[in-house]
N, C-alpha and C. Protein backbone atom coordinates (compact mmCIF):
# COMPACT_ATOMS: atom_id res chain seq x y z
N MET A 1 93.80 95.33 93.04
CA MET A 1 94.37 95.73 91.94
C MET A 1 93.65 97.29 91.40
N ILE A 2 93.88 98.22 90.84
CA ILE A 2 93.21 99.16 90.27
C ILE A 2 92.89 99.03 88.91
N ILE A 3 91.80 99.18 88.52
CA ILE A 3 91.17 99.07 87.19
C ILE A 3 90.60 99.95 86.53
N TRP A 4 91.24 100.55 85.30
CA TRP A 4 90.74 101.48 84.65
C TRP A 4 89.26 101.86 85.08
N ASP A 5 88.44 103.17 84.89
CA ASP A 5 86.95 103.42 84.59
C ASP A 5 87.43 104.49 84.30
N GLU A 6 86.07 104.78 83.35
CA GLU A 6 85.86 105.94 82.54
C GLU A 6 85.92 107.74 83.48
N LYS A 7 85.95 106.99 85.45
CA LYS A 7 85.86 108.31 85.86
C LYS A 7 87.10 108.89 85.52
N PHE A 8 88.20 108.75 85.11
CA PHE A 8 89.54 108.69 85.24
C PHE A 8 89.35 109.34 83.83
N SER A 9 89.32 109.34 83.18
CA SER A 9 89.20 109.93 81.53
C SER A 9 89.27 111.22 81.96
N VAL A 10 90.52 112.07 81.04
CA VAL A 10 90.66 113.34 80.34
C VAL A 10 90.21 113.88 79.66
N GLY A 11 89.69 112.61 78.56
CA GLY A 11 89.03 113.10 77.28
C GLY A 11 90.06 113.37 76.21
N VAL A 12 91.11 113.15 76.43
CA VAL A 12 92.82 112.73 75.96
C VAL A 12 93.49 111.33 75.27
N GLU A 13 93.00 110.82 74.32
CA GLU A 13 92.87 109.64 74.58
C GLU A 13 94.34 109.51 74.84
N LYS A 14 95.71 110.29 74.20
CA LYS A 14 97.20 109.96 74.50
C LYS A 14 97.31 110.18 76.13
N ILE A 15 96.64 111.00 76.78
CA ILE A 15 96.97 110.72 78.23
C ILE A 15 96.29 110.00 78.77
N ASP A 16 95.25 109.82 78.40
CA ASP A 16 94.29 108.29 79.05
C ASP A 16 94.80 107.15 78.87
N ASP A 17 95.68 106.79 77.73
CA ASP A 17 96.42 105.72 77.44
C ASP A 17 97.84 105.32 78.40
N GLN A 18 98.19 106.99 78.44
CA GLN A 18 99.54 106.66 79.62
C GLN A 18 99.11 106.39 81.09
N HIS A 19 97.91 107.25 81.18
CA HIS A 19 97.09 106.84 82.45
C HIS A 19 96.77 105.45 83.01
N GLN A 20 96.51 104.94 81.93
CA GLN A 20 96.10 103.06 81.51
C GLN A 20 97.45 102.04 81.84
N THR A 21 98.36 102.83 81.23
CA THR A 21 99.93 102.05 81.52
C THR A 21 100.34 102.42 83.21
N PHE A 22 100.49 103.40 83.70
CA PHE A 22 100.47 104.27 84.83
C PHE A 22 99.58 102.83 85.40
N PHE A 23 98.39 102.48 85.21
CA PHE A 23 97.81 101.42 85.89
C PHE A 23 98.22 100.40 86.14
N GLU A 24 98.75 99.83 85.03
CA GLU A 24 99.13 98.45 84.79
C GLU A 24 100.57 98.71 85.62
N LEU A 25 101.57 99.04 85.51
CA LEU A 25 102.57 99.43 86.00
C LEU A 25 102.86 99.33 87.75
N ILE A 26 101.78 99.79 88.20
CA ILE A 26 101.34 100.16 89.46
C ILE A 26 100.46 98.55 89.80
N ASN A 27 99.68 97.74 89.12
CA ASN A 27 99.48 96.96 89.44
C ASN A 27 100.22 95.65 89.48
N LYS A 28 101.55 95.69 88.65
CA LYS A 28 102.63 94.50 89.06
C LYS A 28 103.29 94.99 90.09
N LEU A 29 103.75 95.73 90.65
CA LEU A 29 104.27 95.84 92.08
C LEU A 29 103.24 94.91 92.79
N GLU A 30 102.05 95.11 92.63
CA GLU A 30 101.18 94.15 93.68
C GLU A 30 101.27 92.76 93.67
N SER A 31 101.51 92.77 91.95
CA SER A 31 101.60 91.14 91.45
C SER A 31 103.23 90.68 91.86
N LEU A 32 104.40 91.62 92.22
CA LEU A 32 105.31 90.98 92.74
C LEU A 32 105.62 90.61 94.30
N THR A 33 104.21 91.36 94.59
CA THR A 33 104.36 90.61 96.25
C THR A 33 104.04 88.91 96.29
N HIS A 34 103.34 88.38 95.18
CA HIS A 34 103.52 86.93 95.04
C HIS A 34 104.35 85.87 94.22
N GLU A 35 105.13 86.78 94.21
CA GLU A 35 106.60 85.76 93.79
C GLU A 35 107.73 86.10 94.24
N THR A 36 108.03 84.71 93.96
CA THR A 36 109.24 84.65 95.36
C THR A 36 110.73 85.15 94.79
N ASN A 37 110.91 85.56 93.45
CA ASN A 37 112.37 86.49 93.52
C ASN A 37 111.79 88.14 93.47
N PHE A 38 111.07 88.22 93.50
CA PHE A 38 110.77 90.09 93.83
C PHE A 38 111.77 90.71 94.17
N GLU A 39 112.65 90.44 94.84
CA GLU A 39 113.45 91.65 95.49
C GLU A 39 114.61 91.81 94.00
N GLU A 40 114.71 90.47 93.32
CA GLU A 40 115.34 91.04 92.07
C GLU A 40 114.63 91.29 90.71
N ARG A 41 113.24 91.72 90.68
CA ARG A 41 112.52 92.45 89.81
C ARG A 41 112.25 93.64 90.21
N LEU A 42 112.09 94.06 91.64
CA LEU A 42 111.69 94.80 92.09
C LEU A 42 112.33 96.42 91.11
N PRO A 43 113.61 96.18 91.79
CA PRO A 43 114.64 97.51 90.89
C PRO A 43 114.35 97.97 89.65
N ILE A 44 114.36 96.56 88.87
CA ILE A 44 113.88 97.20 87.28
C ILE A 44 112.45 97.89 87.17
N LEU A 45 111.53 97.12 88.02
CA LEU A 45 110.43 97.48 88.00
C LEU A 45 109.88 98.85 88.47
N LEU A 46 110.86 99.87 89.71
CA LEU A 46 110.68 100.86 90.20
C LEU A 46 111.42 101.71 89.15
N ASN A 47 112.35 101.35 88.30
CA ASN A 47 113.01 102.10 87.47
C ASN A 47 112.33 102.06 86.52
N GLU A 48 111.28 101.47 85.92
CA GLU A 48 110.42 101.76 84.89
C GLU A 48 109.78 102.66 85.28
N ILE A 49 108.86 102.82 86.08
CA ILE A 49 107.88 103.71 86.62
C ILE A 49 108.65 105.00 86.79
N VAL A 50 109.64 105.24 87.30
CA VAL A 50 110.17 106.53 87.31
C VAL A 50 110.33 107.48 86.63
N GLU A 51 110.74 106.14 84.69
CA GLU A 51 111.12 107.04 83.79
C GLU A 51 109.66 107.25 83.15
N TYR A 52 109.09 106.12 83.33
CA TYR A 52 107.74 106.09 82.99
C TYR A 52 106.82 107.72 83.46
N ALA A 53 107.34 108.05 84.50
CA ALA A 53 106.46 109.07 85.13
C ALA A 53 107.26 110.07 84.34
N ALA A 54 107.98 110.41 84.07
CA ALA A 54 108.87 111.38 83.79
C ALA A 54 108.59 111.45 82.14
N LEU A 55 108.52 110.61 81.51
CA LEU A 55 108.07 110.45 80.10
C LEU A 55 106.88 111.09 79.88
N HIS A 56 105.58 110.48 80.85
CA HIS A 56 104.14 111.49 81.37
C HIS A 56 104.30 112.40 81.61
N PHE A 57 104.60 112.83 82.63
CA PHE A 57 104.61 114.67 82.73
C PHE A 57 104.88 115.43 81.92
N LYS A 58 105.94 115.13 80.87
CA LYS A 58 106.77 115.76 80.36
C LYS A 58 105.29 116.21 78.94
N THR A 59 104.83 114.94 78.66
CA THR A 59 103.85 114.95 77.42
C THR A 59 102.88 115.52 77.86
N GLU A 60 102.17 115.63 79.09
CA GLU A 60 100.99 115.96 79.41
C GLU A 60 101.58 117.43 79.66
N GLU A 61 102.53 118.02 80.01
CA GLU A 61 102.71 119.55 80.35
C GLU A 61 102.71 119.86 78.84
N LYS A 62 103.44 119.14 77.71
CA LYS A 62 103.57 119.89 76.60
C LYS A 62 102.90 119.59 75.67
N MET A 63 101.21 118.71 76.48
CA MET A 63 99.80 119.27 75.69
C MET A 63 98.76 120.08 76.49
N MET A 64 99.26 120.27 77.69
CA MET A 64 98.59 121.58 78.30
C MET A 64 99.00 122.83 77.89
N GLU A 65 100.41 123.13 77.72
CA GLU A 65 100.97 124.08 77.16
C GLU A 65 100.14 124.64 75.55
N ALA A 66 100.12 123.43 74.96
CA ALA A 66 99.31 123.78 73.62
C ALA A 66 97.90 124.18 74.04
N VAL A 67 97.20 123.95 74.74
CA VAL A 67 95.74 124.44 74.84
C VAL A 67 95.50 125.65 75.92
N GLN A 68 96.89 126.07 76.03
CA GLN A 68 97.12 127.08 77.37
C GLN A 68 96.18 127.13 78.44
N TYR A 69 96.80 126.09 79.15
CA TYR A 69 95.89 126.04 80.37
C TYR A 69 96.33 126.94 81.20
N PRO A 70 95.77 127.23 82.13
CA PRO A 70 96.32 128.69 82.75
C PRO A 70 96.90 128.02 84.23
N ASP A 71 96.40 127.01 84.50
CA ASP A 71 97.42 126.57 86.01
C ASP A 71 98.63 125.71 85.60
N LEU A 72 98.82 125.57 84.37
CA LEU A 72 99.98 125.03 83.74
C LEU A 72 101.23 124.96 84.99
N GLU A 73 101.76 125.97 85.79
CA GLU A 73 103.04 125.94 86.15
C GLU A 73 102.71 125.18 87.55
N GLN A 74 101.45 125.58 88.23
CA GLN A 74 101.22 124.93 89.20
C GLN A 74 101.05 123.58 89.27
N HIS A 75 100.82 123.23 88.11
CA HIS A 75 100.96 121.89 88.06
C HIS A 75 102.18 121.10 87.42
N LYS A 76 103.05 121.92 86.87
CA LYS A 76 104.38 121.49 87.11
C LYS A 76 104.78 120.97 88.46
N ILE A 77 104.85 121.85 89.26
CA ILE A 77 105.18 122.28 90.82
C ILE A 77 104.41 120.38 91.51
N PHE A 78 103.20 120.30 91.00
CA PHE A 78 102.99 118.70 91.53
C PHE A 78 103.62 117.96 90.93
N HIS A 79 103.78 117.79 89.60
CA HIS A 79 104.05 116.77 89.07
C HIS A 79 105.76 116.73 89.42
N GLN A 80 106.45 117.84 89.75
CA GLN A 80 107.76 117.47 90.39
C GLN A 80 107.55 117.41 91.36
N ARG A 81 106.90 117.36 92.43
CA ARG A 81 106.72 117.07 93.83
C ARG A 81 106.56 115.22 93.22
N ILE A 82 105.72 114.78 92.69
CA ILE A 82 105.67 113.53 92.89
C ILE A 82 106.24 112.81 92.48
N LYS A 83 107.09 113.62 91.11
CA LYS A 83 108.54 112.52 90.62
C LYS A 83 109.31 112.92 91.96
N ASP A 84 109.67 113.47 92.54
CA ASP A 84 110.64 113.52 94.06
C ASP A 84 110.23 112.58 94.73
N ASP A 85 108.79 112.45 95.52
CA ASP A 85 108.75 111.17 96.24
C ASP A 85 108.02 110.13 95.94
N ILE A 86 108.26 109.80 94.44
CA ILE A 86 108.32 108.27 94.04
C ILE A 86 110.05 107.86 94.10
N TYR A 87 110.53 108.72 93.60
CA TYR A 87 111.87 108.52 93.74
C TYR A 87 112.55 108.31 94.51
N MET A 88 112.14 109.29 95.61
CA MET A 88 112.80 109.17 96.91
C MET A 88 112.21 107.79 97.80
N GLU A 89 110.95 107.74 97.56
CA GLU A 89 110.62 106.07 98.03
C GLU A 89 110.74 104.99 97.50
N CYS A 90 111.15 105.44 96.15
CA CYS A 90 111.94 103.76 95.55
C CYS A 90 113.08 103.37 95.83
N LYS A 91 113.62 104.87 95.66
CA LYS A 91 115.14 104.80 96.58
C LYS A 91 115.38 104.17 97.74
N ARG A 92 114.38 104.48 98.84
CA ARG A 92 114.65 103.94 100.20
C ARG A 92 114.40 102.98 99.92
N ILE A 93 113.50 102.26 99.42
CA ILE A 93 112.76 100.51 99.28
C ILE A 93 114.39 99.69 99.18
N VAL A 94 114.63 99.85 97.33
CA VAL A 94 115.64 99.40 97.17
C VAL A 94 116.61 99.46 97.73
N GLU A 95 117.35 100.64 99.03
CA GLU A 95 118.74 100.88 99.25
C GLU A 95 118.78 99.90 100.90
N ARG A 96 117.60 99.13 100.95
CA ARG A 96 117.65 98.42 102.11
C ARG A 96 117.00 97.24 101.59
N GLU A 97 116.97 95.72 103.13
CA GLU A 97 116.54 94.76 102.66
C GLU A 97 114.88 94.86 102.54
N VAL A 98 114.35 94.33 101.20
CA VAL A 98 113.00 94.70 100.52
C VAL A 98 112.21 93.34 101.35
N HIS A 99 111.16 93.92 102.10
CA HIS A 99 110.22 92.67 102.21
C HIS A 99 108.74 93.03 101.20
N ALA A 100 108.09 91.93 101.54
CA ALA A 100 106.83 91.99 100.60
C ALA A 100 105.72 93.22 100.74
N MET A 101 106.02 93.59 102.03
CA MET A 101 105.41 94.46 103.20
C MET A 101 105.36 95.87 102.81
N ASP A 102 106.85 96.45 102.13
CA ASP A 102 107.37 97.64 101.39
C ASP A 102 106.90 97.40 100.39
N ILE A 103 106.45 96.25 99.05
CA ILE A 103 106.00 96.56 98.38
C ILE A 103 104.31 97.02 98.23
N ILE A 104 103.74 96.44 99.15
CA ILE A 104 102.23 96.60 99.44
C ILE A 104 101.97 98.01 99.72
N TRP A 105 103.05 98.41 100.39
CA TRP A 105 103.01 100.01 101.26
C TRP A 105 103.47 101.01 99.92
N LEU A 106 104.10 100.55 99.09
CA LEU A 106 104.74 101.83 98.04
C LEU A 106 103.33 101.23 96.75
N TYR A 107 102.55 100.13 96.83
CA TYR A 107 101.73 100.09 95.94
C TYR A 107 100.40 100.55 96.36
N ASN A 108 99.96 100.90 97.73
CA ASN A 108 99.10 101.70 97.94
C ASN A 108 99.26 102.82 97.65
N TYR A 109 100.29 103.39 98.16
CA TYR A 109 100.79 104.62 97.83
C TYR A 109 100.97 105.06 96.78
N MET A 110 101.66 104.87 95.75
CA MET A 110 101.14 104.47 94.19
C MET A 110 99.51 104.55 93.64
N LEU A 111 99.02 103.99 94.53
CA LEU A 111 97.51 104.01 94.13
C LEU A 111 96.79 105.06 94.43
N ASP A 112 97.05 105.64 95.67
CA ASP A 112 96.13 106.74 96.01
C ASP A 112 96.34 107.92 95.59
N TRP A 113 97.96 107.81 95.22
CA TRP A 113 98.85 109.11 94.69
C TRP A 113 98.09 109.50 93.22
N ILE A 114 97.92 108.40 92.38
CA ILE A 114 97.30 108.62 90.94
C ILE A 114 96.23 108.27 90.81
N LYS A 115 95.21 107.79 92.01
CA LYS A 115 93.89 108.47 91.61
C LYS A 115 93.57 109.70 92.30
N THR A 116 94.06 110.10 93.05
CA THR A 116 94.16 111.37 93.88
C THR A 116 94.78 112.09 92.75
N HIS A 117 95.48 112.43 92.50
CA HIS A 117 95.97 113.22 90.85
C HIS A 117 95.18 113.59 90.02
N ILE A 118 94.68 111.90 89.60
CA ILE A 118 93.62 112.65 88.35
C ILE A 118 92.42 112.95 88.74
N ILE A 119 91.97 112.52 89.69
CA ILE A 119 90.66 113.15 89.96
C ILE A 119 90.72 114.63 90.49
N GLU A 120 91.65 115.03 91.40
CA GLU A 120 91.34 116.02 92.15
C GLU A 120 92.28 117.40 90.94
N GLU A 121 93.48 116.68 90.33
CA GLU A 121 94.26 117.70 89.36
C GLU A 121 94.39 117.54 87.90
N ASP A 122 93.95 116.30 87.23
CA ASP A 122 94.10 116.01 86.02
C ASP A 122 92.88 116.83 85.33
N LEU A 123 91.68 115.95 85.95
CA LEU A 123 90.45 116.63 85.27
C LEU A 123 89.94 118.02 84.81
N LYS A 124 90.77 118.75 86.09
CA LYS A 124 90.62 120.07 86.16
C LYS A 124 90.91 120.93 84.84
N TYR A 125 91.96 120.22 83.68
CA TYR A 125 92.30 120.48 82.32
C TYR A 125 91.05 120.05 81.19
N LYS A 126 90.62 119.15 81.48
CA LYS A 126 89.54 118.27 80.97
C LYS A 126 88.88 119.50 79.99
N PRO A 127 88.37 120.24 80.61
CA PRO A 127 87.58 121.52 79.72
C PRO A 127 88.01 122.33 78.81
N TYR A 128 89.61 122.53 78.86
CA TYR A 128 90.30 122.71 77.86
C TYR A 128 90.72 122.39 76.41
N PHE A 129 90.88 120.70 77.01
CA PHE A 129 90.83 120.13 75.46
C PHE A 129 89.28 119.82 74.88
N GLN A 130 88.57 120.04 75.45
CA GLN A 130 87.14 120.10 74.58
C GLN A 130 86.64 121.16 74.04
N LYS A 131 87.55 122.17 74.19
CA LYS A 131 87.13 123.62 73.24
C LYS A 131 87.49 123.28 71.88
């Protein structure tokens, strides 16, 4: 399970709160592998993750625009790529017989994605919010 740590903080409460919610959603994926009815609950959780990603990215981009973050357009491209990847991976998994290993793979994929994205991309805009 992924646990929130201050090293992920971008210094903006609203964005940090949303990132923490992402952590919770990703952790729910891992928890599903311990349940017998994961096939029924998985599509609902995946839909929640996809919708939350869209909400978060929109919020983050709007806030970045407000502080005139110079790499906003590139960041939007990263967000679109992530949305497309998450959507395609979720779609791929629910369109066939789902196994616990699929969920574990998706959990690890999203875990790697969120940690990498926050540390390598989101922390770049932190100084612009501190001005």
